């Protein structure tokens, strides 16, 4: 999926498809997986279809069950370019040097 094709609905649909594939790879029914998540089978079916009304907490719980929770850590993380990172590291070093004098 490139940036031209990216929309919230297409992304949710893709996530739903990935969730379904992960569940099938574990050979689990919707009923079993939804029970493990603590939601109804109908709600889980909506997740697999990419329904935007599903709470993000359910997605996080599903990710945890699948061992993918860490992949959420970078969501909405600010992006820094290498120049910004370098400047930030240099300003920190200068302040540390000034304290020593």
N, C-alpha and C. Protein backbone atom coordinates (compact mmCIF):
# COMPACT_ATOMS: atom_id res chain seq x y z
N UNK A 1 0.84 -1.18 0.00
CA UNK A 1 0.00 0.00 0.00
C UNK A 1 0.88 1.24 0.00
N UNK A 2 0.73 2.08 -1.02
CA UNK A 2 1.53 3.31 -1.05
C UNK A 2 0.71 4.48 -0.52
N UNK A 3 1.34 5.64 -0.40
CA UNK A 3 0.68 6.80 0.20
C UNK A 3 -0.54 7.24 -0.60
N UNK A 4 -0.56 7.02 -1.91
CA UNK A 4 -1.70 7.43 -2.72
C UNK A 4 -2.93 6.60 -2.41
N UNK A 5 -2.75 5.37 -1.97
CA UNK A 5 -3.86 4.47 -1.68
C UNK A 5 -4.24 4.49 -0.20
N UNK A 6 -3.52 5.22 0.61
CA UNK A 6 -3.71 5.16 2.04
C UNK A 6 -4.93 5.98 2.48
N UNK A 7 -5.82 5.33 3.19
CA UNK A 7 -6.95 5.98 3.83
C UNK A 7 -7.24 5.21 5.10
N UNK A 8 -7.97 5.81 6.00
CA UNK A 8 -8.25 5.12 7.26
C UNK A 8 -9.06 3.85 7.02
N UNK A 9 -10.00 3.88 6.10
CA UNK A 9 -10.80 2.69 5.85
C UNK A 9 -9.98 1.58 5.21
N UNK A 10 -9.09 1.94 4.28
CA UNK A 10 -8.26 0.90 3.67
C UNK A 10 -7.26 0.32 4.66
N UNK A 11 -6.76 1.16 5.55
CA UNK A 11 -5.84 0.67 6.56
C UNK A 11 -6.55 -0.26 7.55
N UNK A 12 -7.75 0.11 7.97
CA UNK A 12 -8.52 -0.75 8.87
C UNK A 12 -8.87 -2.08 8.21
N UNK A 13 -9.20 -2.03 6.93
CA UNK A 13 -9.50 -3.26 6.20
C UNK A 13 -8.27 -4.16 6.15
N UNK A 14 -7.11 -3.55 5.89
CA UNK A 14 -5.86 -4.32 5.85
C UNK A 14 -5.54 -4.92 7.22
N UNK A 15 -5.72 -4.14 8.27
CA UNK A 15 -5.48 -4.66 9.62
C UNK A 15 -6.44 -5.81 9.94
N UNK A 16 -7.68 -5.66 9.53
CA UNK A 16 -8.66 -6.73 9.74
C UNK A 16 -8.26 -8.00 9.02
N UNK A 17 -7.78 -7.85 7.79
CA UNK A 17 -7.32 -9.02 7.03
C UNK A 17 -6.12 -9.68 7.70
N UNK A 18 -5.21 -8.86 8.20
CA UNK A 18 -4.04 -9.42 8.90
C UNK A 18 -4.46 -10.15 10.16
N UNK A 19 -5.42 -9.58 10.88
CA UNK A 19 -5.93 -10.22 12.09
C UNK A 19 -6.55 -11.57 11.75
N UNK A 20 -7.34 -11.60 10.70
CA UNK A 20 -7.98 -12.85 10.28
C UNK A 20 -6.93 -13.90 9.91
N UNK A 21 -5.92 -13.49 9.14
CA UNK A 21 -4.87 -14.43 8.74
C UNK A 21 -4.11 -14.96 9.96
N UNK A 22 -3.84 -14.09 10.93
CA UNK A 22 -3.13 -14.52 12.14
C UNK A 22 -3.98 -15.51 12.94
N UNK A 23 -5.28 -15.24 13.00
CA UNK A 23 -6.18 -16.15 13.72
C UNK A 23 -6.24 -17.51 13.02
N UNK A 24 -6.37 -17.48 11.70
CA UNK A 24 -6.43 -18.73 10.94
C UNK A 24 -5.12 -19.51 11.04
N UNK A 25 -3.99 -18.80 11.07
CA UNK A 25 -2.69 -19.46 11.20
C UNK A 25 -2.59 -20.19 12.53
N UNK A 26 -3.32 -19.68 13.54
CA UNK A 26 -3.34 -20.34 14.84
C UNK A 26 -4.42 -21.41 14.92
N UNK A 27 -5.16 -21.56 13.81
CA UNK A 27 -6.23 -22.55 13.72
C UNK A 27 -7.29 -22.33 14.82
N UNK A 28 -7.65 -21.06 15.02
CA UNK A 28 -8.65 -20.72 16.02
C UNK A 28 -9.90 -20.17 15.33
N UNK A 29 -11.04 -20.51 15.88
CA UNK A 29 -12.30 -19.98 15.35
C UNK A 29 -12.50 -18.56 15.86
N UNK A 30 -13.41 -17.85 15.21
CA UNK A 30 -13.76 -16.51 15.69
C UNK A 30 -14.30 -16.59 17.11
N UNK A 31 -15.08 -17.62 17.37
CA UNK A 31 -15.68 -17.80 18.69
C UNK A 31 -14.60 -17.93 19.77
N UNK A 32 -13.60 -18.75 19.52
CA UNK A 32 -12.54 -18.96 20.50
C UNK A 32 -11.69 -17.70 20.68
N UNK A 33 -11.28 -17.08 19.58
CA UNK A 33 -10.42 -15.91 19.68
C UNK A 33 -11.16 -14.76 20.35
N UNK A 34 -12.41 -14.56 19.99
CA UNK A 34 -13.19 -13.47 20.61
C UNK A 34 -13.39 -13.73 22.09
N UNK A 35 -13.56 -14.98 22.46
CA UNK A 35 -13.69 -15.33 23.88
C UNK A 35 -12.41 -14.99 24.64
N UNK A 36 -11.28 -15.27 24.04
CA UNK A 36 -10.00 -14.95 24.66
C UNK A 36 -9.80 -13.44 24.79
N UNK A 37 -10.40 -12.68 23.86
CA UNK A 37 -10.33 -11.22 23.91
C UNK A 37 -11.33 -10.62 24.89
N UNK A 38 -12.35 -11.39 25.21
CA UNK A 38 -13.39 -10.89 26.10
C UNK A 38 -14.43 -10.04 25.39
N UNK A 39 -14.63 -10.30 24.10
CA UNK A 39 -15.65 -9.60 23.33
C UNK A 39 -16.54 -10.62 22.62
N UNK A 40 -17.65 -10.15 22.09
CA UNK A 40 -18.55 -11.06 21.38
C UNK A 40 -17.96 -11.47 20.03
N UNK A 41 -18.45 -12.58 19.51
CA UNK A 41 -18.01 -13.04 18.20
C UNK A 41 -18.39 -12.01 17.13
N UNK A 42 -19.55 -11.37 17.31
CA UNK A 42 -19.99 -10.36 16.35
C UNK A 42 -19.03 -9.17 16.32
N UNK A 43 -18.60 -8.73 17.49
CA UNK A 43 -17.64 -7.62 17.55
C UNK A 43 -16.31 -8.02 16.91
N UNK A 44 -15.90 -9.25 17.17
CA UNK A 44 -14.65 -9.72 16.57
C UNK A 44 -14.77 -9.80 15.05
N UNK A 45 -15.93 -10.24 14.56
CA UNK A 45 -16.15 -10.30 13.11
C UNK A 45 -16.04 -8.89 12.51
N UNK A 46 -16.53 -7.89 13.23
CA UNK A 46 -16.41 -6.50 12.78
C UNK A 46 -14.95 -6.06 12.74
N UNK A 47 -14.16 -6.51 13.72
CA UNK A 47 -12.73 -6.19 13.70
C UNK A 47 -12.08 -6.73 12.44
N UNK A 48 -12.39 -7.97 12.11
CA UNK A 48 -11.80 -8.60 10.93
C UNK A 48 -12.25 -7.93 9.64
N UNK A 49 -13.36 -7.22 9.67
CA UNK A 49 -13.83 -6.49 8.49
C UNK A 49 -13.34 -5.05 8.47
N UNK A 50 -12.66 -4.63 9.54
CA UNK A 50 -12.11 -3.28 9.59
C UNK A 50 -13.11 -2.22 10.01
N UNK A 51 -14.09 -2.59 10.81
CA UNK A 51 -15.09 -1.65 11.28
C UNK A 51 -14.44 -0.56 12.13
N UNK A 52 -14.62 0.71 11.79
CA UNK A 52 -13.97 1.79 12.54
C UNK A 52 -14.56 2.03 13.93
N UNK A 53 -15.69 1.41 14.24
CA UNK A 53 -16.33 1.62 15.54
C UNK A 53 -15.72 0.74 16.64
N UNK A 54 -14.83 -0.17 16.27
CA UNK A 54 -14.21 -1.05 17.26
C UNK A 54 -13.17 -0.27 18.06
N UNK A 55 -13.25 -0.37 19.38
CA UNK A 55 -12.33 0.35 20.27
C UNK A 55 -10.89 -0.10 20.06
N UNK A 56 -9.99 0.86 20.14
CA UNK A 56 -8.57 0.55 19.94
C UNK A 56 -8.06 -0.43 21.00
N UNK A 57 -8.67 -0.41 22.16
CA UNK A 57 -8.28 -1.35 23.21
C UNK A 57 -8.41 -2.79 22.78
N UNK A 58 -9.43 -3.08 21.98
CA UNK A 58 -9.60 -4.45 21.46
C UNK A 58 -8.48 -4.81 20.51
N UNK A 59 -8.05 -3.83 19.71
CA UNK A 59 -6.93 -4.07 18.80
C UNK A 59 -5.65 -4.32 19.58
N UNK A 60 -5.45 -3.56 20.64
CA UNK A 60 -4.25 -3.75 21.47
C UNK A 60 -4.27 -5.12 22.14
N UNK A 61 -5.42 -5.51 22.65
CA UNK A 61 -5.54 -6.83 23.29
C UNK A 61 -5.31 -7.96 22.29
N UNK A 62 -5.85 -7.81 21.09
CA UNK A 62 -5.62 -8.83 20.05
C UNK A 62 -4.14 -8.90 19.70
N UNK A 63 -3.51 -7.75 19.60
CA UNK A 63 -2.07 -7.71 19.30
C UNK A 63 -1.26 -8.39 20.39
N UNK A 64 -1.67 -8.19 21.62
CA UNK A 64 -0.97 -8.84 22.73
C UNK A 64 -1.12 -10.35 22.66
N UNK A 65 -2.34 -10.83 22.37
CA UNK A 65 -2.55 -12.27 22.24
C UNK A 65 -1.71 -12.87 21.12
N UNK A 66 -1.47 -12.08 20.09
CA UNK A 66 -0.71 -12.57 18.93
C UNK A 66 0.80 -12.30 19.05
N UNK A 67 1.22 -11.71 20.18
CA UNK A 67 2.63 -11.43 20.37
C UNK A 67 3.13 -10.26 19.54
N UNK A 68 2.23 -9.34 19.18
CA UNK A 68 2.59 -8.21 18.32
C UNK A 68 2.38 -6.86 19.00
N UNK A 69 2.23 -6.83 20.30
CA UNK A 69 1.93 -5.58 21.00
C UNK A 69 3.04 -4.55 20.83
N UNK A 70 4.27 -4.99 20.79
CA UNK A 70 5.40 -4.07 20.66
C UNK A 70 5.34 -3.26 19.36
N UNK A 71 4.70 -3.80 18.34
CA UNK A 71 4.62 -3.08 17.08
C UNK A 71 3.81 -1.78 17.20
N UNK A 72 3.00 -1.64 18.23
CA UNK A 72 2.23 -0.42 18.45
C UNK A 72 3.07 0.70 19.07
N UNK A 73 4.23 0.37 19.56
CA UNK A 73 5.05 1.35 20.26
C UNK A 73 5.42 2.56 19.40
N UNK A 74 5.55 2.36 18.11
CA UNK A 74 5.96 3.45 17.24
C UNK A 74 4.78 4.25 16.66
N UNK A 75 3.55 3.84 16.95
CA UNK A 75 2.39 4.56 16.43
C UNK A 75 2.34 5.96 17.02
N UNK A 76 2.20 6.94 16.17
CA UNK A 76 2.14 8.36 16.52
C UNK A 76 3.42 8.90 17.15
N UNK A 77 4.51 8.15 17.05
CA UNK A 77 5.79 8.63 17.56
C UNK A 77 6.28 9.74 16.65
N UNK A 78 6.81 10.79 17.25
CA UNK A 78 7.29 11.90 16.43
C UNK A 78 8.50 11.44 15.61
N UNK A 79 8.53 11.93 14.39
CA UNK A 79 9.62 11.57 13.50
C UNK A 79 10.70 12.64 13.59
N UNK A 80 11.92 12.21 13.80
CA UNK A 80 13.06 13.12 13.84
C UNK A 80 14.00 12.75 12.72
N UNK A 81 14.52 13.75 12.06
CA UNK A 81 15.51 13.44 11.05
C UNK A 81 16.89 13.38 11.72
N UNK A 82 17.87 12.92 11.01
CA UNK A 82 19.21 12.74 11.58
C UNK A 82 19.84 14.06 12.02
N UNK A 83 19.55 15.15 11.31
CA UNK A 83 20.10 16.45 11.69
C UNK A 83 19.54 16.90 13.04
N UNK A 84 18.23 16.72 13.24
CA UNK A 84 17.61 17.08 14.52
C UNK A 84 18.19 16.24 15.66
N UNK A 85 18.37 14.95 15.42
CA UNK A 85 18.94 14.08 16.45
C UNK A 85 20.37 14.51 16.80
N UNK A 86 21.15 14.86 15.78
CA UNK A 86 22.52 15.29 16.02
C UNK A 86 22.54 16.59 16.83
N UNK A 87 21.73 17.56 16.43
CA UNK A 87 21.69 18.84 17.15
C UNK A 87 21.25 18.63 18.60
N UNK A 88 20.29 17.76 18.80
CA UNK A 88 19.81 17.51 20.16
C UNK A 88 20.91 16.85 21.00
N UNK A 89 21.66 15.94 20.41
CA UNK A 89 22.73 15.29 21.17
C UNK A 89 23.86 16.28 21.46
N UNK A 90 24.13 17.19 20.54
CA UNK A 90 25.19 18.18 20.75
C UNK A 90 24.80 19.20 21.82
N UNK A 91 23.56 19.63 21.83
CA UNK A 91 23.14 20.61 22.84
C UNK A 91 23.17 19.98 24.23
N UNK A 92 22.87 18.70 24.31
CA UNK A 92 22.94 18.00 25.60
C UNK A 92 24.37 17.89 26.09
N UNK A 93 25.30 17.69 25.19
CA UNK A 93 26.72 17.58 25.56
C UNK A 93 27.26 18.92 26.03
N UNK A 94 26.84 20.00 25.38
CA UNK A 94 27.32 21.32 25.77
C UNK A 94 26.83 21.67 27.17
N UNK A 95 25.58 21.37 27.45
CA UNK A 95 25.07 21.67 28.78
C UNK A 95 25.80 20.88 29.85
N UNK A 96 26.10 19.63 29.53
CA UNK A 96 26.83 18.80 30.50
C UNK A 96 28.24 19.37 30.72
N UNK A 97 28.85 19.86 29.66
CA UNK A 97 30.18 20.44 29.78
C UNK A 97 30.18 21.72 30.61
N UNK A 98 29.16 22.52 30.48
CA UNK A 98 29.06 23.76 31.23
C UNK A 98 28.89 23.49 32.71
N UNK A 99 28.23 22.44 33.07
CA UNK A 99 28.02 22.11 34.49
C UNK A 99 29.32 21.73 35.16
N UNK A 100 30.25 21.19 34.41
CA UNK A 100 31.50 20.72 35.00
C UNK A 100 32.42 21.86 35.38
N UNK A 101 32.32 23.02 34.77
CA UNK A 101 33.24 24.12 35.02
C UNK A 101 33.01 24.79 36.34
